[in-house]
């Protein structure tokens, strides 16, 4: 009877390995549950955009009393210090500027493209910063693209205040 209760070293290693896999899987599911904000969109959508009607102020276009050039410099200043973010391109457009930023995720190094459009209004001396973030790979983003926009808006708001 005692011989049946004893396990061989191979069986013991397999059992430890199975518990390890179970622990990693459980931790991954808990991580996903913690970071997913909107279960109805995060598995099926890989893009996000600022929207004037959004309930979260960090998902609305940012309007500040700065010129488009000054606002673009604020974005570039923050991106230069932000880990995982990079300025890819800067283009002048009618009444403003367009910036192409990228952000790489920590774990799998997926790249998200973030397009920033800054339009100035000469009448009000204000500029509006709109953002579109899209994953290059995958059907769903697990909420990363909205987080990209929120992080950018919050950071630029701090720089310009």
Protein backbone atom coordinates (compact mmCIF):
# COMPACT_ATOMS: atom_id res chain seq x y z
CA UNK A 1 0.00 0.00 0.00
CA UNK A 2 2.77 2.48 0.86
CA UNK A 3 4.49 1.64 -2.41
CA UNK A 4 1.42 2.80 -4.30
CA UNK A 5 1.42 6.17 -2.47
CA UNK A 6 5.06 6.86 -3.29
CA UNK A 7 5.63 8.53 -6.61
CA UNK A 8 8.66 8.22 -8.79
CA UNK A 9 10.86 11.31 -9.29
CA UNK A 10 9.53 11.65 -12.85
CA UNK A 11 5.93 11.65 -11.61
CA UNK A 12 6.82 14.22 -8.95
CA UNK A 13 8.43 16.52 -11.57
CA UNK A 14 5.43 16.18 -13.87
CA UNK A 15 3.10 17.05 -11.02
CA UNK A 16 5.16 20.13 -10.05
CA UNK A 17 5.28 21.20 -13.69
CA UNK A 18 1.50 20.82 -14.03
CA UNK A 19 0.95 22.95 -10.91
CA UNK A 20 3.32 25.56 -12.33
CA UNK A 21 1.40 25.71 -15.61
CA UNK A 22 -1.86 26.00 -13.70
CA UNK A 23 -0.44 28.85 -11.58
CA UNK A 24 0.82 30.75 -14.64
CA UNK A 25 -2.51 30.28 -16.42
CA UNK A 26 -4.45 31.50 -13.40
CA UNK A 27 -2.16 34.52 -13.01
CA UNK A 28 -2.63 35.36 -16.70
CA UNK A 29 -6.41 35.24 -16.41
CA UNK A 30 -6.33 37.42 -13.30
CA UNK A 31 -4.07 39.93 -15.08
CA UNK A 32 -6.50 40.09 -18.01
CA UNK A 33 -9.48 40.54 -15.70
CA UNK A 34 -7.69 43.37 -13.89
CA UNK A 35 -6.75 45.36 -17.02
CA UNK A 36 -9.79 44.87 -19.24
CA UNK A 37 -12.07 47.86 -18.87
CA UNK A 38 -14.76 47.11 -21.42
CA UNK A 39 -15.41 43.41 -21.96
CA UNK A 40 -17.75 44.12 -24.88
CA UNK A 41 -15.01 45.81 -26.97
CA UNK A 42 -11.60 44.64 -25.76
CA UNK A 43 -11.71 41.16 -27.32
CA UNK A 44 -13.12 42.30 -30.67
CA UNK A 45 -11.71 45.77 -31.35
CA UNK A 46 -8.10 46.74 -31.96
CA UNK A 47 -8.54 50.47 -32.44
CA UNK A 48 -9.57 53.49 -30.36
CA UNK A 49 -10.12 57.15 -31.11
CA UNK A 50 -10.80 60.29 -29.12
CA UNK A 51 -14.47 61.26 -29.13
CA UNK A 52 -16.01 64.55 -27.95
CA UNK A 53 -18.97 62.60 -26.49
CA UNK A 54 -16.84 60.15 -24.48
CA UNK A 55 -17.70 59.94 -20.79
CA UNK A 56 -14.01 59.66 -19.83
CA UNK A 57 -12.36 63.10 -20.25
CA UNK A 58 -9.09 61.38 -21.17
CA UNK A 59 -10.82 59.89 -24.22
CA UNK A 60 -12.02 63.29 -25.46
CA UNK A 61 -9.97 65.52 -27.79
CA UNK A 62 -7.73 67.84 -25.79
CA UNK A 63 -8.37 71.56 -26.36
CA UNK A 64 -5.74 73.99 -25.05
CA UNK A 65 -4.78 77.61 -25.52
CA UNK A 66 -1.57 76.89 -27.42
CA UNK A 67 -0.54 77.00 -31.03
CA UNK A 68 -0.38 73.69 -32.92
CA UNK A 69 3.42 73.99 -32.92
CA UNK A 70 3.56 74.46 -29.13
CA UNK A 71 1.17 71.55 -28.55
CA UNK A 72 3.19 69.30 -30.88
CA UNK A 73 6.35 70.25 -28.98
CA UNK A 74 4.63 69.27 -25.72
CA UNK A 75 3.74 65.86 -27.21
CA UNK A 76 7.29 65.38 -28.50
CA UNK A 77 8.77 66.44 -25.17
CA UNK A 78 6.75 63.81 -23.33
CA UNK A 79 7.37 61.08 -25.92
CA UNK A 80 11.15 61.67 -25.65
CA UNK A 81 10.98 60.74 -21.95
CA UNK A 82 8.32 58.02 -22.09
CA UNK A 83 9.53 54.43 -22.19
CA UNK A 84 8.12 52.33 -25.04
CA UNK A 85 6.97 55.44 -26.98
CA UNK A 86 8.67 56.80 -30.07
CA UNK A 87 8.09 59.63 -32.56
CA UNK A 88 8.08 58.17 -36.07
CA UNK A 89 7.01 61.10 -38.24
CA UNK A 90 5.89 64.73 -38.12
CA UNK A 91 4.01 66.38 -40.99
CA UNK A 92 2.59 69.84 -41.48
CA UNK A 93 -1.04 69.83 -42.60
CA UNK A 94 -3.54 72.60 -43.26
CA UNK A 95 -4.06 74.53 -40.02
CA UNK A 96 -1.93 72.16 -37.95
CA UNK A 97 0.34 69.16 -37.61
CA UNK A 98 0.13 65.38 -37.78
CA UNK A 99 2.37 63.19 -35.62
CA UNK A 100 2.88 59.46 -35.99
CA UNK A 101 3.89 57.81 -32.74
CA UNK A 102 4.44 54.16 -31.87
CA UNK A 103 4.24 52.32 -28.59
CA UNK A 104 5.59 48.83 -27.97
CA UNK A 105 3.96 46.62 -25.37
CA UNK A 106 6.18 45.31 -22.60
CA UNK A 107 5.55 41.61 -22.67
CA UNK A 108 5.29 40.63 -26.34
CA UNK A 109 6.62 43.87 -27.92
CA UNK A 110 3.55 44.37 -30.09
CA UNK A 111 3.58 47.76 -31.82
CA UNK A 112 0.63 50.11 -31.73
CA UNK A 113 0.43 53.06 -34.14
CA UNK A 114 -0.79 56.28 -32.59
CA UNK A 115 -1.75 59.08 -34.97
CA UNK A 116 -2.07 62.53 -33.42
CA UNK A 117 -3.70 65.38 -35.33
CA UNK A 118 -3.36 68.90 -33.95
CA UNK A 119 -5.58 71.55 -35.51
CA UNK A 120 -5.32 75.22 -34.59
CA UNK A 121 -8.16 77.73 -34.54
CA UNK A 122 -6.90 81.25 -35.27
CA UNK A 123 -10.13 82.84 -34.01
CA UNK A 124 -9.99 81.33 -30.52
CA UNK A 125 -6.19 80.86 -30.34
CA UNK A 126 -6.82 77.27 -29.29
CA UNK A 127 -5.58 73.96 -30.64
CA UNK A 128 -7.34 70.63 -30.58
CA UNK A 129 -5.38 67.40 -30.19
CA UNK A 130 -7.18 64.30 -31.54
CA UNK A 131 -5.75 60.80 -31.26
CA UNK A 132 -6.28 57.51 -33.09
CA UNK A 133 -4.53 54.40 -31.75
CA UNK A 134 -4.51 51.05 -33.56
CA UNK A 135 -2.79 47.73 -33.00
CA UNK A 136 -0.83 46.35 -35.93
CA UNK A 137 -1.61 42.74 -35.02
CA UNK A 138 -4.67 40.98 -33.70
CA UNK A 139 -8.42 41.22 -33.60
CA UNK A 140 -8.70 42.57 -30.05
CA UNK A 141 -6.41 44.82 -28.03
CA UNK A 142 -7.46 43.91 -24.46
CA UNK A 143 -7.99 47.63 -23.89
CA UNK A 144 -4.45 48.73 -24.77
CA UNK A 145 -5.43 51.29 -27.42
CA UNK A 146 -7.76 53.25 -25.10
CA UNK A 147 -4.99 53.12 -22.47
CA UNK A 148 -2.53 54.52 -25.04
CA UNK A 149 -4.84 57.48 -25.68
CA UNK A 150 -5.51 58.06 -21.99
CA UNK A 151 -1.81 57.95 -21.16
CA UNK A 152 -0.97 60.41 -23.94
CA UNK A 153 -3.78 62.85 -23.09
CA UNK A 154 -2.96 62.80 -19.37
CA UNK A 155 0.75 63.34 -20.01
CA UNK A 156 0.25 66.19 -22.49
CA UNK A 157 -2.24 67.83 -20.14
CA UNK A 158 0.45 67.82 -17.41
CA UNK A 159 3.08 69.23 -19.76
CA UNK A 160 0.92 72.13 -20.96
CA UNK A 161 -0.51 73.04 -17.53
